[in-house]
Amino acid sequence: MIQLFKKIRRQHLGKNRIGKYLLYAIGEILLVVIGILIAVAINNSNEQKKRDALLDAYLTSLTQELQQDIINLNKSKESLSRKRKSINYYLDYYNIENPETTILLERLDSVNTSKSAFYTGTYTIEDLIATGNLSLFPKNIKEAILKLKNLQERYFTYETQTIENIARYDLELKKNTDLLHLNGYSDKQHRSVANWRNNLDSDQFLVLNNTLAESLKLYDFQERLYGTLSEETTALQKRLNKQTE
């Protein structure tokens, strides 16, 4: 087509037809502009398809990760409930007047004070922020993602610090007990800490009960935290599901 315009242009220049030449020159320019616009449109269309495909991939992976987080949060809440019950089972008997040491120690041995923090599996959020691809999402979803991310970071930091603080009570108790005897590695028991478990007024029992109290406080906090995280995670998941409809 361009070669045809060039041929016509030469013909009209040769015949000194300036007016017609200008008309064909304008047509030539329009043809080039139209070609550029079509190329840009095709390129934009291809780029949009790539962005849409990338967005779909992010939506799929993030939705799956959020669902797994919800499942893990529910499991964590169930675990907290069992731990709390085991401590309360001991405290119910400890708080009666003149509890029998044998029964109390049996209940104490059934107490579960293990500590664990919840770690999110939403690695897609990390990728979105690191790569700048969070811009692929609409404003309301971007804000929801960042809100959840901020909530995770704030609470996880506090959760970890609280667990570390409680660990100091455990360390204090270990310092004042005979771990060889307590763990069954030796029949001998150091005289300075002998039979502390049979003495409710011993310093070791006080540290032990303090550990239980701090554990209950931690479990209460974690239960509230996991409830809030479940709500925000579910809310974001619903937004993402609407995006895919």
C-alpha atoms as a PDB file:
ATOM      1  CA  MET A   1       0.000   0.000   0.000  1.00  0.00           C
ATOM      2  CA  ILE A   2       2.810   2.386   0.860  1.00  0.00           C
ATOM      3  CA  GLN A   3       4.580   1.547  -2.413  1.00  0.00           C
ATOM      4  CA  LEU A   4       1.378   2.439  -4.274  1.00  0.00           C
ATOM      5  CA  PHE A   5       1.253   5.856  -2.584  1.00  0.00           C
ATOM      6  CA  LYS A   6       4.886   6.463  -3.498  1.00  0.00           C
ATOM      7  CA  LYS A   7       4.185   5.647  -7.165  1.00  0.00           C
ATOM      8  CA  ILE A   8       1.177   7.960  -7.272  1.00  0.00           C
ATOM      9  CA  ARG A   9       3.204  10.681  -5.567  1.00  0.00           C
ATOM     10  CA  ARG A  10       5.944  10.491  -8.209  1.00  0.00           C
ATOM     11  CA  GLN A  11       3.380  10.610 -10.988  1.00  0.00           C
ATOM     12  CA  HIS A  12       1.722  13.743  -9.647  1.00  0.00           C
ATOM     13  CA  LEU A  13       4.998  15.447  -8.870  1.00  0.00           C
ATOM     14  CA  GLY A  14       6.068  14.749 -12.426  1.00  0.00           C
ATOM     15  CA  LYS A  15       2.893  16.335 -13.758  1.00  0.00           C
ATOM     16  CA  ASN A  16       3.225  19.247 -11.285  1.00  0.00           C
ATOM     17  CA  ARG A  17      -0.082  18.422  -9.593  1.00  0.00           C
ATOM     18  CA  ILE A  18       0.807  19.820  -6.170  1.00  0.00           C
ATOM     19  CA  GLY A  19      -2.780  19.767  -4.813  1.00  0.00           C
ATOM     20  CA  LYS A  20      -3.322  16.123  -5.520  1.00  0.00           C
ATOM     21  CA  TYR A  21       0.147  15.345  -4.243  1.00  0.00           C
ATOM     22  CA  LEU A  22      -0.649  16.995  -0.894  1.00  0.00           C
ATOM     23  CA  LEU A  23      -3.864  15.013  -0.693  1.00  0.00           C
ATOM     24  CA  TYR A  24      -2.018  11.748  -1.228  1.00  0.00           C
ATOM     25  CA  ALA A  25       0.719  12.850   1.199  1.00  0.00           C
ATOM     26  CA  ILE A  26      -1.904  13.409   3.857  1.00  0.00           C
ATOM     27  CA  GLY A  27      -3.379  10.018   3.047  1.00  0.00           C
ATOM     28  CA  GLU A  28       0.073   8.509   3.427  1.00  0.00           C
ATOM     29  CA  ILE A  29       0.497  10.126   6.840  1.00  0.00           C
ATOM     30  CA  LEU A  30      -2.956   8.968   7.930  1.00  0.00           C
ATOM     31  CA  LEU A  31      -2.134   5.458   6.815  1.00  0.00           C
ATOM     32  CA  VAL A  32       1.045   5.465   8.914  1.00  0.00           C
ATOM     33  CA  VAL A  33      -0.806   6.905  11.938  1.00  0.00           C
ATOM     34  CA  ILE A  34      -3.584   4.342  11.591  1.00  0.00           C
ATOM     35  CA  GLY A  35      -0.957   1.589  11.367  1.00  0.00           C
ATOM     36  CA  ILE A  36       0.733   2.855  14.520  1.00  0.00           C
ATOM     37  CA  LEU A  37      -2.586   3.102  16.357  1.00  0.00           C
ATOM     38  CA  ILE A  38      -3.516  -0.431  15.346  1.00  0.00           C
ATOM     39  CA  ALA A  39      -0.097  -1.713  16.494  1.00  0.00           C
ATOM     40  CA  VAL A  40      -0.449   0.122  19.817  1.00  0.00           C
ATOM     41  CA  ALA A  41      -3.963  -1.233  20.269  1.00  0.00           C
ATOM     42  CA  ILE A  42      -2.797  -4.786  19.582  1.00  0.00           C
ATOM     43  CA  ASN A  43       0.145  -4.365  21.947  1.00  0.00           C
ATOM     44  CA  ASN A  44      -2.107  -2.921  24.667  1.00  0.00           C
ATOM     45  CA  SER A  45      -4.523  -5.786  24.170  1.00  0.00           C
ATOM     46  CA  ASN A  46      -1.717  -8.312  24.527  1.00  0.00           C
ATOM     47  CA  GLU A  47      -0.375  -6.576  27.623  1.00  0.00           C
ATOM     48  CA  GLN A  48      -3.853  -6.501  29.146  1.00  0.00           C
ATOM     49  CA  LYS A  49      -4.244 -10.223  28.485  1.00  0.00           C
ATOM     50  CA  LYS A  50      -0.930 -10.820  30.265  1.00  0.00           C
ATOM     51  CA  ARG A  51      -2.050  -8.691  33.227  1.00  0.00           C
ATOM     52  CA  ASP A  52      -5.401 -10.493  33.359  1.00  0.00           C
ATOM     53  CA  ALA A  53      -3.666 -13.879  33.285  1.00  0.00           C
ATOM     54  CA  LEU A  54      -1.269 -12.786  36.032  1.00  0.00           C
ATOM     55  CA  LEU A  55      -4.156 -11.432  38.102  1.00  0.00           C
ATOM     56  CA  ASP A  56      -6.059 -14.705  37.715  1.00  0.00           C
ATOM     57  CA  ALA A  57      -2.995 -16.624  38.889  1.00  0.00           C
ATOM     58  CA  TYR A  58      -2.646 -14.367  41.931  1.00  0.00           C
ATOM     59  CA  LEU A  59      -6.358 -14.676  42.709  1.00  0.00           C
ATOM     60  CA  THR A  60      -6.167 -18.467  42.582  1.00  0.00           C
ATOM     61  CA  SER A  61      -3.055 -18.808  44.753  1.00  0.00           C
ATOM     62  CA  LEU A  62      -4.107 -16.159  47.278  1.00  0.00           C
ATOM     63  CA  THR A  63      -7.606 -17.622  47.655  1.00  0.00           C
ATOM     64  CA  GLN A  64      -6.137 -21.071  48.318  1.00  0.00           C
ATOM     65  CA  GLU A  65      -3.655 -19.688  50.849  1.00  0.00           C
ATOM     66  CA  LEU A  66      -6.356 -17.755  52.680  1.00  0.00           C
ATOM     67  CA  GLN A  67      -8.508 -20.890  52.867  1.00  0.00           C
ATOM     68  CA  GLN A  68      -5.605 -22.844  54.362  1.00  0.00           C
ATOM     69  CA  ASP A  69      -4.991 -20.038  56.865  1.00  0.00           C
ATOM     70  CA  ILE A  70      -8.616 -20.240  57.979  1.00  0.00           C
ATOM     71  CA  ILE A  71      -8.307 -24.009  58.456  1.00  0.00           C
ATOM     72  CA  ASN A  72      -5.075 -23.612  60.449  1.00  0.00           C
ATOM     73  CA  LEU A  73      -6.546 -20.821  62.571  1.00  0.00           C
ATOM     74  CA  ASN A  74      -9.493 -23.029  63.496  1.00  0.00           C
ATOM     75  CA  LYS A  75      -7.108 -25.840  64.427  1.00  0.00           C
ATOM     76  CA  SER A  76      -5.083 -23.422  66.556  1.00  0.00           C
ATOM     77  CA  LYS A  77      -8.217 -22.252  68.370  1.00  0.00           C
ATOM     78  CA  GLU A  78      -9.191 -25.862  69.090  1.00  0.00           C
ATOM     79  CA  SER A  79      -5.695 -26.537  70.442  1.00  0.00           C
ATOM     80  CA  LEU A  80      -5.898 -23.472  72.698  1.00  0.00           C
ATOM     81  CA  SER A  81      -9.220 -24.674  74.071  1.00  0.00           C
ATOM     82  CA  ARG A  82      -7.726 -28.057  75.002  1.00  0.00           C
ATOM     83  CA  LYS A  83      -4.720 -26.442  76.689  1.00  0.00           C
ATOM     84  CA  ARG A  84      -6.931 -24.071  78.673  1.00  0.00           C
ATOM     85  CA  LYS A  85      -9.126 -26.950  79.819  1.00  0.00           C
ATOM     86  CA  SER A  86      -6.091 -28.915  81.019  1.00  0.00           C
ATOM     87  CA  ILE A  87      -4.927 -25.966  83.145  1.00  0.00           C
ATOM     88  CA  ASN A  88      -8.397 -25.284  84.523  1.00  0.00           C
ATOM     89  CA  TYR A  89      -8.733 -28.978  85.396  1.00  0.00           C
ATOM     90  CA  TYR A  90      -5.674 -28.565  87.622  1.00  0.00           C
ATOM     91  CA  LEU A  91      -6.761 -25.179  89.031  1.00  0.00           C
ATOM     92  CA  ASP A  92     -10.236 -26.424  89.932  1.00  0.00           C
ATOM     93  CA  TYR A  93      -8.679 -28.856  92.371  1.00  0.00           C
ATOM     94  CA  TYR A  94      -5.821 -26.554  93.415  1.00  0.00           C
ATOM     95  CA  ASN A  95      -8.321 -23.894  94.535  1.00  0.00           C
ATOM     96  CA  ILE A  96     -10.248 -26.143  96.917  1.00  0.00           C
ATOM     97  CA  GLU A  97      -9.366 -26.072 100.584  1.00  0.00           C
ATOM     98  CA  ASN A  98      -6.641 -28.571 101.545  1.00  0.00           C
ATOM     99  CA  PRO A  99      -6.209 -30.411  98.222  1.00  0.00           C
ATOM    100  CA  GLU A 100      -4.562 -33.827  98.417  1.00  0.00           C
ATOM    101  CA  THR A 101      -1.062 -33.660  97.036  1.00  0.00           C
ATOM    102  CA  THR A 102      -1.308 -36.966  95.161  1.00  0.00           C
ATOM    103  CA  ILE A 103      -4.435 -35.948  93.261  1.00  0.00           C
ATOM    104  CA  LEU A 104      -3.072 -32.457  92.635  1.00  0.00           C
ATOM    105  CA  LEU A 105       0.158 -33.812  91.161  1.00  0.00           C
ATOM    106  CA  GLU A 106      -1.807 -36.200  88.945  1.00  0.00           C
ATOM    107  CA  ARG A 107      -3.751 -33.266  87.573  1.00  0.00           C
ATOM    108  CA  LEU A 108      -0.579 -31.241  87.260  1.00  0.00           C
ATOM    109  CA  ASP A 109       1.008 -33.955  85.143  1.00  0.00           C
ATOM    110  CA  SER A 110      -1.931 -33.760  82.711  1.00  0.00           C
ATOM    111  CA  VAL A 111      -1.477 -30.009  82.175  1.00  0.00           C
ATOM    112  CA  ASN A 112      -0.473 -28.921  78.662  1.00  0.00           C
ATOM    113  CA  THR A 113       1.332 -25.580  78.605  1.00  0.00           C
ATOM    114  CA  SER A 114       3.010 -25.909  75.211  1.00  0.00           C
ATOM    115  CA  LYS A 115       3.414 -22.628  73.371  1.00  0.00           C
ATOM    116  CA  SER A 116       3.106 -22.081  69.649  1.00  0.00           C
ATOM    117  CA  ALA A 117       2.650 -19.068  67.409  1.00  0.00           C
ATOM    118  CA  PHE A 118       0.505 -18.949  64.284  1.00  0.00           C
ATOM    119  CA  TYR A 119       2.377 -18.315  61.053  1.00  0.00           C
ATOM    120  CA  THR A 120       0.426 -17.320  57.979  1.00  0.00           C
ATOM    121  CA  GLY A 121       0.895 -19.143  54.688  1.00  0.00           C
ATOM    122  CA  THR A 122      -0.132 -16.159  52.550  1.00  0.00           C
ATOM    123  CA  TYR A 123       3.174 -15.938  50.697  1.00  0.00           C
ATOM    124  CA  THR A 124       1.369 -14.499  47.688  1.00  0.00           C
ATOM    125  CA  ILE A 125       0.828 -11.263  49.639  1.00  0.00           C
ATOM    126  CA  GLU A 126       4.596 -11.012  50.168  1.00  0.00           C
ATOM    127  CA  ASP A 127       5.141 -11.504  46.435  1.00  0.00           C
ATOM    128  CA  LEU A 128       2.510  -8.924  45.504  1.00  0.00           C
ATOM    129  CA  ILE A 129       4.122  -6.300  47.717  1.00  0.00           C
ATOM    130  CA  ALA A 130       7.699  -7.130  46.718  1.00  0.00           C
ATOM    131  CA  THR A 131       7.001  -7.090  42.959  1.00  0.00           C
ATOM    132  CA  GLY A 132       4.590  -4.157  42.954  1.00  0.00           C
ATOM    133  CA  ASN A 133       1.932  -6.374  41.383  1.00  0.00           C
ATOM    134  CA  LEU A 134      -0.499  -5.360  44.096  1.00  0.00           C
ATOM    135  CA  SER A 135      -1.439  -2.612  41.626  1.00  0.00           C
ATOM    136  CA  LEU A 136      -3.184  -5.267  39.522  1.00  0.00           C
ATOM    137  CA  PHE A 137      -6.021  -5.359  42.049  1.00  0.00           C
ATOM    138  CA  PRO A 138      -8.840  -2.831  42.459  1.00  0.00           C
ATOM    139  CA  LYS A 139      -8.418  -0.254  45.216  1.00  0.00           C
ATOM    140  CA  ASN A 140     -10.809  -1.902  47.689  1.00  0.00           C
ATOM    141  CA  ILE A 141      -9.034  -5.268  47.435  1.00  0.00           C
ATOM    142  CA  LYS A 142      -5.603  -3.663  47.709  1.00  0.00           C
ATOM    143  CA  GLU A 143      -6.699  -1.946  50.917  1.00  0.00           C
ATOM    144  CA  ALA A 144      -8.112  -5.221  52.301  1.00  0.00           C
ATOM    145  CA  ILE A 145      -4.867  -7.078  51.529  1.00  0.00           C
ATOM    146  CA  LEU A 146      -2.721  -4.405  53.176  1.00  0.00           C
ATOM    147  CA  LYS A 147      -5.059  -4.293  56.186  1.00  0.00           C
ATOM    148  CA  LEU A 148      -4.699  -8.046  56.718  1.00  0.00           C
ATOM    149  CA  LYS A 149      -0.925  -7.852  56.238  1.00  0.00           C
ATOM    150  CA  ASN A 150      -0.637  -5.063  58.809  1.00  0.00           C
ATOM    151  CA  LEU A 151      -2.812  -6.988  61.270  1.00  0.00           C
ATOM    152  CA  GLN A 152      -0.664 -10.106  60.870  1.00  0.00           C
ATOM    153  CA  GLU A 153       2.582  -8.242  61.457  1.00  0.00           C
ATOM    154  CA  ARG A 154       1.384  -6.302  64.521  1.00  0.00           C
ATOM    155  CA  TYR A 155      -0.148  -9.273  66.314  1.00  0.00           C
ATOM    156  CA  PHE A 156       2.516 -11.805  65.379  1.00  0.00           C
ATOM    157  CA  THR A 157       5.231  -9.571  66.833  1.00  0.00           C
ATOM    158  CA  TYR A 158       3.350  -9.229  70.119  1.00  0.00           C
ATOM    159  CA  GLU A 159       2.521 -12.946  70.174  1.00  0.00           C
ATOM    160  CA  THR A 160       6.172 -13.945  69.760  1.00  0.00           C
ATOM    161  CA  GLN A 161       7.329 -11.484  72.432  1.00  0.00           C
ATOM    162  CA  THR A 162       4.738 -12.792  74.894  1.00  0.00           C
ATOM    163  CA  ILE A 163       5.831 -16.389  74.335  1.00  0.00           C
ATOM    164  CA  GLU A 164       9.454 -15.369  74.911  1.00  0.00           C
ATOM    165  CA  ASN A 165       8.486 -13.623  78.169  1.00  0.00           C
ATOM    166  CA  ILE A 166       6.704 -16.728  79.469  1.00  0.00           C
ATOM    167  CA  ALA A 167       9.760 -18.813  78.599  1.00  0.00           C
ATOM    168  CA  ARG A 168      11.602 -16.914  81.330  1.00  0.00           C
ATOM    169  CA  TYR A 169       9.306 -18.453  83.944  1.00  0.00           C
ATOM    170  CA  ASP A 170      10.096 -21.888  82.568  1.00  0.00           C
ATOM    171  CA  LEU A 171      13.794 -21.092  82.745  1.00  0.00           C
ATOM    172  CA  GLU A 172      13.435 -19.868  86.337  1.00  0.00           C
ATOM    173  CA  LEU A 173      11.691 -23.097  87.316  1.00  0.00           C
ATOM    174  CA  LYS A 174      14.388 -25.184  85.654  1.00  0.00           C
ATOM    175  CA  LYS A 175      17.060 -23.328  87.580  1.00  0.00           C
ATOM    176  CA  ASN A 176      15.410 -24.288  90.859  1.00  0.00           C
ATOM    177  CA  THR A 177      14.678 -27.956  90.190  1.00  0.00           C
ATOM    178  CA  ASP A 178      16.700 -31.121  89.737  1.00  0.00           C
ATOM    179  CA  LEU A 179      16.111 -31.846  86.071  1.00  0.00           C
ATOM    180  CA  LEU A 180      18.007 -35.122  86.155  1.00  0.00           C
ATOM    181  CA  HIS A 181      15.639 -36.483  88.783  1.00  0.00           C
ATOM    182  CA  LEU A 182      12.547 -34.750  87.398  1.00  0.00           C
ATOM    183  CA  ASN A 183      13.051 -36.214  83.930  1.00  0.00           C
ATOM    184  CA  GLY A 184      13.849 -39.687  85.230  1.00  0.00           C
ATOM    185  CA  TYR A 185      17.562 -39.688  84.391  1.00  0.00           C
ATOM    186  CA  SER A 186      18.603 -40.211  88.013  1.00  0.00           C
ATOM    187  CA  ASP A 187      17.119 -41.706  91.164  1.00  0.00           C
ATOM    188  CA  LYS A 188      19.025 -39.182  93.231  1.00  0.00           C
ATOM    189  CA  GLN A 189      17.454 -35.831  93.996  1.00  0.00           C
ATOM    190  CA  HIS A 190      19.358 -32.750  95.066  1.00  0.00           C
ATOM    191  CA  ARG A 191      18.721 -32.054  98.725  1.00  0.00           C
ATOM    192  CA  SER A 192      18.090 -28.315  98.231  1.00  0.00           C
ATOM    193  CA  VAL A 193      15.094 -28.945  95.956  1.00  0.00           C
ATOM    194  CA  ALA A 194      13.961 -32.306  97.229  1.00  0.00           C
ATOM    195  CA  ASN A 195      10.213 -32.954  97.235  1.00  0.00           C
ATOM    196  CA  TRP A 196       9.250 -29.418  96.198  1.00  0.00           C
ATOM    197  CA  ARG A 197       6.285 -30.862  94.309  1.00  0.00           C
ATOM    198  CA  ASN A 198       4.853 -32.031  97.634  1.00  0.00           C
ATOM    199  CA  ASN A 199       5.099 -28.569  99.157  1.00  0.00           C
ATOM    200  CA  LEU A 200       2.546 -26.087  97.827  1.00  0.00           C
ATOM    201  CA  ASP A 201       4.388 -23.284  99.645  1.00  0.00           C
ATOM    202  CA  SER A 202       7.686 -23.944  97.892  1.00  0.00           C
ATOM    203  CA  ASP A 203       9.215 -21.283  95.662  1.00  0.00           C
ATOM    204  CA  GLN A 204       9.159 -23.740  92.784  1.00  0.00           C
ATOM    205  CA  PHE A 205       5.432 -24.248  93.072  1.00  0.00           C
ATOM    206  CA  LEU A 206       4.942 -20.484  93.064  1.00  0.00           C
ATOM    207  CA  VAL A 207       6.963 -20.144  89.847  1.00  0.00           C
ATOM    208  CA  LEU A 208       5.046 -23.054  88.354  1.00  0.00           C
ATOM    209  CA  ASN A 209       1.679 -21.490  89.127  1.00  0.00           C
ATOM    210  CA  ASN A 210       2.897 -18.161  87.760  1.00  0.00           C
ATOM    211  CA  THR A 211       3.765 -19.950  84.524  1.00  0.00           C
ATOM    212  CA  LEU A 212       0.251 -21.380  84.360  1.00  0.00           C
ATOM    213  CA  ALA A 213      -1.265 -17.939  84.944  1.00  0.00           C
ATOM    214  CA  GLU A 214       0.843 -16.387  82.182  1.00  0.00           C
ATOM    215  CA  SER A 215      -0.024 -19.291  79.886  1.00  0.00           C
ATOM    216  CA  LEU A 216      -3.743 -18.668  80.410  1.00  0.00           C
ATOM    217  CA  LYS A 217      -3.261 -14.977  79.630  1.00  0.00           C
ATOM    218  CA  LEU A 218      -1.395 -15.915  76.457  1.00  0.00           C
ATOM    219  CA  TYR A 219      -4.103 -18.385  75.397  1.00  0.00           C
ATOM    220  CA  ASP A 220      -6.823 -15.773  75.964  1.00  0.00           C
ATOM    221  CA  PHE A 221      -4.905 -13.276  73.838  1.00  0.00           C
ATOM    222  CA  GLN A 222      -4.251 -15.832  71.111  1.00  0.00           C
ATOM    223  CA  GLU A 223      -7.901 -16.840  70.995  1.00  0.00           C
ATOM    224  CA  ARG A 224      -8.931 -13.204  70.446  1.00  0.00           C
ATOM    225  CA  LEU A 225      -6.134 -12.768  67.902  1.00  0.00           C
ATOM    226  CA  TYR A 226      -7.081 -15.862  65.917  1.00  0.00           C
ATOM    227  CA  GLY A 227     -10.734 -14.834  65.972  1.00  0.00           C
ATOM    228  CA  THR A 228      -9.887 -11.410  64.522  1.00  0.00           C
ATOM    229  CA  LEU A 229      -7.550 -12.923  61.929  1.00  0.00           C
ATOM    230  CA  SER A 230     -10.221 -15.425  60.902  1.00  0.00           C
ATOM    231  CA  GLU A 231     -12.741 -12.618  60.381  1.00  0.00           C
ATOM    232  CA  GLU A 232     -10.367 -10.467  58.320  1.00  0.00           C
ATOM    233  CA  THR A 233      -9.080 -13.441  56.322  1.00  0.00           C
ATOM    234  CA  THR A 234     -12.619 -14.579  55.539  1.00  0.00           C
ATOM    235  CA  ALA A 235     -13.635 -11.033  54.550  1.00  0.00           C
ATOM    236  CA  LEU A 236     -10.707 -10.783  52.116  1.00  0.00           C
ATOM    237  CA  GLN A 237     -11.480 -14.223  50.711  1.00  0.00           C
ATOM    238  CA  LYS A 238     -15.071 -13.139  49.982  1.00  0.00           C
ATOM    239  CA  ARG A 239     -13.828 -10.025  48.186  1.00  0.00           C
ATOM    240  CA  LEU A 240     -11.532 -12.135  46.037  1.00  0.00           C
ATOM    241  CA  ASN A 241     -14.348 -14.567  45.227  1.00  0.00           C
ATOM    242  CA  LYS A 242     -16.513 -11.667  44.027  1.00  0.00           C
ATOM    243  CA  GLN A 243     -13.621 -10.512  41.853  1.00  0.00           C
ATOM    244  CA  THR A 244     -13.600 -13.860  40.053  1.00  0.00           C
ATOM    245  CA  GLU A 245     -17.358 -13.962  39.461  1.00  0.00           C
END
